[in-house]
Amino acid sequence: MTKRECAIVQAYTGFVMLAGKDVWYFLKYIQELISRPVWTHELINETVRRMVEERAKPDFIELCRTAVDDRAPTDAEREAAPWQK
């Protein structure tokens, strides 16, 4: 997962994915979303948080749709899948 993808997940879900110097990626992404500079203290504002979440949703959905698996499941894993029984 790239730092930008982490920023997308963080913006949409609110789960902290980036810390320390990497917070820059998150702030850059949300500034792109709302088309203006964002101060970190603004992120506790519910209105700003909802706006960021709403605008990040299409990127989050696209990220999920284009996700790739790093390996194919084994035949045993496929056979053991509980939803197939």
C-alpha atoms as a PDB file:
ATOM      1  CA  MET A   1       0.000   0.000   0.000  1.00  0.00           C
ATOM      2  CA  THR A   2       1.355   3.409  -0.914  1.00  0.00           C
ATOM      3  CA  LYS A   3       1.455   6.403   1.411  1.00  0.00           C
ATOM      4  CA  ARG A   4      -1.241   8.064  -0.720  1.00  0.00           C
ATOM      5  CA  GLU A   5      -3.435   4.980  -0.366  1.00  0.00           C
ATOM      6  CA  CYS A   6      -2.886   5.135   3.403  1.00  0.00           C
ATOM      7  CA  ALA A   7      -3.945   8.798   3.286  1.00  0.00           C
ATOM      8  CA  ILE A   8      -7.134   7.827   1.439  1.00  0.00           C
ATOM      9  CA  VAL A   9      -7.986   5.152   4.008  1.00  0.00           C
ATOM     10  CA  GLN A  10      -7.240   7.534   6.861  1.00  0.00           C
ATOM     11  CA  ALA A  11      -9.344  10.318   5.353  1.00  0.00           C
ATOM     12  CA  TYR A  12     -12.336   8.060   4.771  1.00  0.00           C
ATOM     13  CA  THR A  13     -12.254   5.853   7.868  1.00  0.00           C
ATOM     14  CA  GLY A  14     -10.618   8.082  10.455  1.00  0.00           C
ATOM     15  CA  PHE A  15      -8.163   5.323  11.411  1.00  0.00           C
ATOM     16  CA  VAL A  16      -4.655   6.708  11.744  1.00  0.00           C
ATOM     17  CA  MET A  17      -2.531   5.132   9.052  1.00  0.00           C
ATOM     18  CA  LEU A  18       0.240   7.724   8.886  1.00  0.00           C
ATOM     19  CA  ALA A  19       2.249   9.170  11.754  1.00  0.00           C
ATOM     20  CA  GLY A  20       5.334  11.280  12.270  1.00  0.00           C
ATOM     21  CA  LYS A  21       6.791  12.690   9.082  1.00  0.00           C
ATOM     22  CA  ASP A  22       4.324  10.640   7.028  1.00  0.00           C
ATOM     23  CA  VAL A  23       1.408  12.803   8.220  1.00  0.00           C
ATOM     24  CA  TRP A  24       2.465  15.110   5.392  1.00  0.00           C
ATOM     25  CA  TYR A  25       0.901  12.689   2.874  1.00  0.00           C
ATOM     26  CA  PHE A  26      -2.419  12.827   4.707  1.00  0.00           C
ATOM     27  CA  LEU A  27      -2.449  16.615   4.980  1.00  0.00           C
ATOM     28  CA  LYS A  28      -1.505  16.983   1.318  1.00  0.00           C
ATOM     29  CA  TYR A  29      -4.332  14.635   0.294  1.00  0.00           C
ATOM     30  CA  ILE A  30      -7.023  16.359   2.333  1.00  0.00           C
ATOM     31  CA  GLN A  31      -5.866  19.745   1.091  1.00  0.00           C
ATOM     32  CA  GLU A  32      -6.420  18.441  -2.442  1.00  0.00           C
ATOM     33  CA  LEU A  33      -9.885  17.249  -1.426  1.00  0.00           C
ATOM     34  CA  ILE A  34     -11.111  20.524   0.010  1.00  0.00           C
ATOM     35  CA  SER A  35      -9.047  22.837  -2.233  1.00  0.00           C
ATOM     36  CA  ARG A  36      -7.447  24.865   0.517  1.00  0.00           C
ATOM     37  CA  PRO A  37      -4.774  24.603   3.187  1.00  0.00           C
ATOM     38  CA  VAL A  38      -5.844  22.664   6.279  1.00  0.00           C
ATOM     39  CA  TRP A  39      -4.538  23.175   9.799  1.00  0.00           C
ATOM     40  CA  THR A  40      -4.271  20.046  11.926  1.00  0.00           C
ATOM     41  CA  HIS A  41      -6.533  21.508  14.621  1.00  0.00           C
ATOM     42  CA  GLU A  42      -9.326  21.748  12.028  1.00  0.00           C
ATOM     43  CA  LEU A  43      -9.483  17.968  11.854  1.00  0.00           C
ATOM     44  CA  ILE A  44     -11.307  17.794  15.170  1.00  0.00           C
ATOM     45  CA  ASN A  45     -14.096  19.911  13.708  1.00  0.00           C
ATOM     46  CA  GLU A  46     -16.956  17.520  12.874  1.00  0.00           C
ATOM     47  CA  THR A  47     -18.021  19.542   9.813  1.00  0.00           C
ATOM     48  CA  VAL A  48     -14.515  19.445   8.332  1.00  0.00           C
ATOM     49  CA  ARG A  49     -14.130  15.755   9.189  1.00  0.00           C
ATOM     50  CA  ARG A  50     -17.418  14.886   7.467  1.00  0.00           C
ATOM     51  CA  MET A  51     -16.462  16.934   4.412  1.00  0.00           C
ATOM     52  CA  VAL A  52     -13.134  15.112   4.150  1.00  0.00           C
ATOM     53  CA  GLU A  53     -14.833  11.726   4.575  1.00  0.00           C
ATOM     54  CA  GLU A  54     -17.481  12.513   1.970  1.00  0.00           C
ATOM     55  CA  ARG A  55     -14.960  13.726  -0.580  1.00  0.00           C
ATOM     56  CA  ALA A  56     -12.567  10.822   0.076  1.00  0.00           C
ATOM     57  CA  LYS A  57     -15.298   8.206  -0.445  1.00  0.00           C
ATOM     58  CA  PRO A  58     -14.909   7.860  -4.242  1.00  0.00           C
ATOM     59  CA  ASP A  59     -11.131   7.404  -3.880  1.00  0.00           C
ATOM     60  CA  PHE A  60     -11.662   4.853  -1.101  1.00  0.00           C
ATOM     61  CA  ILE A  61     -14.151   2.869  -3.180  1.00  0.00           C
ATOM     62  CA  GLU A  62     -11.832   2.962  -6.195  1.00  0.00           C
ATOM     63  CA  LEU A  63      -8.975   1.772  -4.002  1.00  0.00           C
ATOM     64  CA  CYS A  64     -11.077  -1.187  -2.846  1.00  0.00           C
ATOM     65  CA  ARG A  65     -12.259  -2.030  -6.374  1.00  0.00           C
ATOM     66  CA  THR A  66      -8.748  -2.055  -7.799  1.00  0.00           C
ATOM     67  CA  ALA A  67      -7.093  -3.911  -4.917  1.00  0.00           C
ATOM     68  CA  VAL A  68      -5.054  -6.917  -5.944  1.00  0.00           C
ATOM     69  CA  ASP A  69      -4.239 -10.023  -3.973  1.00  0.00           C
ATOM     70  CA  ASP A  70      -0.577 -10.814  -3.599  1.00  0.00           C
ATOM     71  CA  ARG A  71      -1.265 -14.531  -3.905  1.00  0.00           C
ATOM     72  CA  ALA A  72      -3.970 -16.837  -5.160  1.00  0.00           C
ATOM     73  CA  PRO A  73      -5.778 -19.003  -2.593  1.00  0.00           C
ATOM     74  CA  THR A  74      -4.822 -22.668  -2.472  1.00  0.00           C
ATOM     75  CA  ASP A  75      -7.325 -25.355  -3.442  1.00  0.00           C
ATOM     76  CA  ALA A  76      -7.592 -26.321   0.238  1.00  0.00           C
ATOM     77  CA  GLU A  77      -8.442 -22.729   1.174  1.00  0.00           C
ATOM     78  CA  ARG A  78     -11.087 -22.569  -1.533  1.00  0.00           C
ATOM     79  CA  GLU A  79     -12.649 -25.841  -0.375  1.00  0.00           C
ATOM     80  CA  ALA A  80     -12.633 -24.729   3.257  1.00  0.00           C
ATOM     81  CA  ALA A  81     -14.441 -21.464   2.561  1.00  0.00           C
ATOM     82  CA  PRO A  82     -17.453 -21.448   4.930  1.00  0.00           C
ATOM     83  CA  TRP A  83     -19.704 -19.592   2.487  1.00  0.00           C
ATOM     84  CA  GLN A  84     -19.365 -22.417  -0.024  1.00  0.00           C
ATOM     85  CA  LYS A  85     -20.801 -25.092   2.252  1.00  0.00           C
END
